[in-house]
Amino acid sequence: MERSLLVDRLLNNINNIHELGRQRAFELGNPFYAKFEGDGEHYRKELPTGEKYLVSVKIITDENDMPVKVEDTIIKQLLSE
């Protein structure tokens, strides 16, 4: 089975894997969460509209320890870069 050129290109630059997650989250209408250096224990939350926030995150799991919900608390809104 032949891999597509896009897959090969993405695998050659694995540092962009977070961009795939971001794109997929937005396609589903969900926010994207990521940790950045300098944000301490907080996460950045980006909405499909482009709004960005610094948030604390709590992940709710089911009885099998599988994540079912993300609860976040906004610390502050971040300015667009």
C-alpha atoms as a PDB file:
ATOM      1  CA  MET A   1       0.000   0.000   0.000  1.00  0.00           C
ATOM      2  CA  GLU A   2       1.417   3.375  -1.014  1.00  0.00           C
ATOM      3  CA  ARG A   3       1.454   6.280   1.427  1.00  0.00           C
ATOM      4  CA  SER A   4       0.386   9.649   0.150  1.00  0.00           C
ATOM      5  CA  LEU A   5       2.895  12.434  -0.379  1.00  0.00           C
ATOM      6  CA  LEU A   6       1.117  14.491   2.282  1.00  0.00           C
ATOM      7  CA  VAL A   7       1.642  11.792   4.905  1.00  0.00           C
ATOM      8  CA  ASP A   8       5.322  11.497   3.974  1.00  0.00           C
ATOM      9  CA  ARG A   9       5.751  15.252   4.203  1.00  0.00           C
ATOM     10  CA  LEU A  10       4.049  15.390   7.613  1.00  0.00           C
ATOM     11  CA  LEU A  11       6.117  12.523   8.968  1.00  0.00           C
ATOM     12  CA  ASN A  12       9.320  14.201   7.811  1.00  0.00           C
ATOM     13  CA  ASN A  13       8.434  17.250   9.917  1.00  0.00           C
ATOM     14  CA  ILE A  14       6.934  15.639  13.028  1.00  0.00           C
ATOM     15  CA  ASN A  15       7.300  18.949  14.912  1.00  0.00           C
ATOM     16  CA  ASN A  16       4.072  20.123  13.280  1.00  0.00           C
ATOM     17  CA  ILE A  17       1.912  17.318  14.723  1.00  0.00           C
ATOM     18  CA  HIS A  18       0.179  19.785  17.075  1.00  0.00           C
ATOM     19  CA  GLU A  19      -1.093  21.643  14.002  1.00  0.00           C
ATOM     20  CA  LEU A  20      -2.959  18.523  12.904  1.00  0.00           C
ATOM     21  CA  GLY A  21      -4.617  18.275  16.313  1.00  0.00           C
ATOM     22  CA  ARG A  22      -5.495  21.966  16.203  1.00  0.00           C
ATOM     23  CA  GLN A  23      -6.992  21.640  12.730  1.00  0.00           C
ATOM     24  CA  ARG A  24      -9.039  18.575  13.706  1.00  0.00           C
ATOM     25  CA  ALA A  25     -10.326  20.209  16.901  1.00  0.00           C
ATOM     26  CA  PHE A  26     -11.511  23.210  14.893  1.00  0.00           C
ATOM     27  CA  GLU A  27     -13.133  20.973  12.258  1.00  0.00           C
ATOM     28  CA  LEU A  28     -15.169  19.413  15.059  1.00  0.00           C
ATOM     29  CA  GLY A  29     -16.024  22.849  16.486  1.00  0.00           C
ATOM     30  CA  ASN A  30     -13.989  22.228  19.631  1.00  0.00           C
ATOM     31  CA  PRO A  31     -11.347  24.393  21.304  1.00  0.00           C
ATOM     32  CA  PHE A  32      -7.676  23.425  21.046  1.00  0.00           C
ATOM     33  CA  TYR A  33      -5.570  23.139  24.201  1.00  0.00           C
ATOM     34  CA  ALA A  34      -1.761  23.246  24.230  1.00  0.00           C
ATOM     35  CA  LYS A  35       1.046  23.785  26.734  1.00  0.00           C
ATOM     36  CA  PHE A  36       3.619  26.433  25.902  1.00  0.00           C
ATOM     37  CA  GLU A  37       6.884  27.251  27.591  1.00  0.00           C
ATOM     38  CA  GLY A  38       6.439  30.222  29.885  1.00  0.00           C
ATOM     39  CA  ASP A  39       2.795  29.471  30.762  1.00  0.00           C
ATOM     40  CA  GLY A  40       3.709  27.520  33.909  1.00  0.00           C
ATOM     41  CA  GLU A  41       1.173  24.851  34.830  1.00  0.00           C
ATOM     42  CA  HIS A  42      -1.524  26.508  32.703  1.00  0.00           C
ATOM     43  CA  TYR A  43      -2.657  25.688  29.175  1.00  0.00           C
ATOM     44  CA  ARG A  44      -3.534  27.902  26.245  1.00  0.00           C
ATOM     45  CA  LYS A  45      -7.034  27.465  24.891  1.00  0.00           C
ATOM     46  CA  GLU A  46      -7.697  28.572  21.324  1.00  0.00           C
ATOM     47  CA  LEU A  47     -11.197  28.770  19.928  1.00  0.00           C
ATOM     48  CA  PRO A  48     -12.051  28.285  16.239  1.00  0.00           C
ATOM     49  CA  THR A  49     -12.812  32.045  16.193  1.00  0.00           C
ATOM     50  CA  GLY A  50      -9.155  32.813  16.979  1.00  0.00           C
ATOM     51  CA  GLU A  51      -9.709  33.921  20.576  1.00  0.00           C
ATOM     52  CA  LYS A  52      -6.961  32.696  22.930  1.00  0.00           C
ATOM     53  CA  TYR A  53      -7.023  32.245  26.690  1.00  0.00           C
ATOM     54  CA  LEU A  54      -4.696  31.103  29.442  1.00  0.00           C
ATOM     55  CA  VAL A  55      -6.637  28.467  31.402  1.00  0.00           C
ATOM     56  CA  SER A  56      -6.321  25.904  34.156  1.00  0.00           C
ATOM     57  CA  VAL A  57      -7.579  22.507  33.030  1.00  0.00           C
ATOM     58  CA  LYS A  58      -9.295  19.633  34.826  1.00  0.00           C
ATOM     59  CA  ILE A  59      -9.865  16.409  32.878  1.00  0.00           C
ATOM     60  CA  ILE A  60     -12.899  14.387  33.951  1.00  0.00           C
ATOM     61  CA  THR A  61     -12.556  10.614  33.430  1.00  0.00           C
ATOM     62  CA  ASP A  62     -15.007   7.713  33.531  1.00  0.00           C
ATOM     63  CA  GLU A  63     -14.769   4.542  35.622  1.00  0.00           C
ATOM     64  CA  ASN A  64     -12.251   3.109  33.113  1.00  0.00           C
ATOM     65  CA  ASP A  65     -10.017   6.190  33.497  1.00  0.00           C
ATOM     66  CA  MET A  66     -10.871   7.340  29.972  1.00  0.00           C
ATOM     67  CA  PRO A  67     -11.256  11.106  29.464  1.00  0.00           C
ATOM     68  CA  VAL A  68     -14.866  12.163  28.922  1.00  0.00           C
ATOM     69  CA  LYS A  69     -14.817  15.919  29.528  1.00  0.00           C
ATOM     70  CA  VAL A  70     -12.421  18.852  29.824  1.00  0.00           C
ATOM     71  CA  GLU A  71     -13.314  21.558  32.323  1.00  0.00           C
ATOM     72  CA  ASP A  72     -11.318  24.754  32.081  1.00  0.00           C
ATOM     73  CA  THR A  73     -11.161  27.932  34.120  1.00  0.00           C
ATOM     74  CA  ILE A  74     -10.077  31.090  32.322  1.00  0.00           C
ATOM     75  CA  ILE A  75      -7.119  32.822  33.954  1.00  0.00           C
ATOM     76  CA  LYS A  76      -6.881  35.630  31.380  1.00  0.00           C
ATOM     77  CA  GLN A  77      -7.528  36.393  27.725  1.00  0.00           C
ATOM     78  CA  LEU A  78      -4.424  36.529  25.543  1.00  0.00           C
ATOM     79  CA  LEU A  79      -3.891  39.108  22.853  1.00  0.00           C
ATOM     80  CA  SER A  80      -3.631  37.910  19.258  1.00  0.00           C
ATOM     81  CA  GLU A  81      -0.064  37.321  18.128  1.00  0.00           C
END
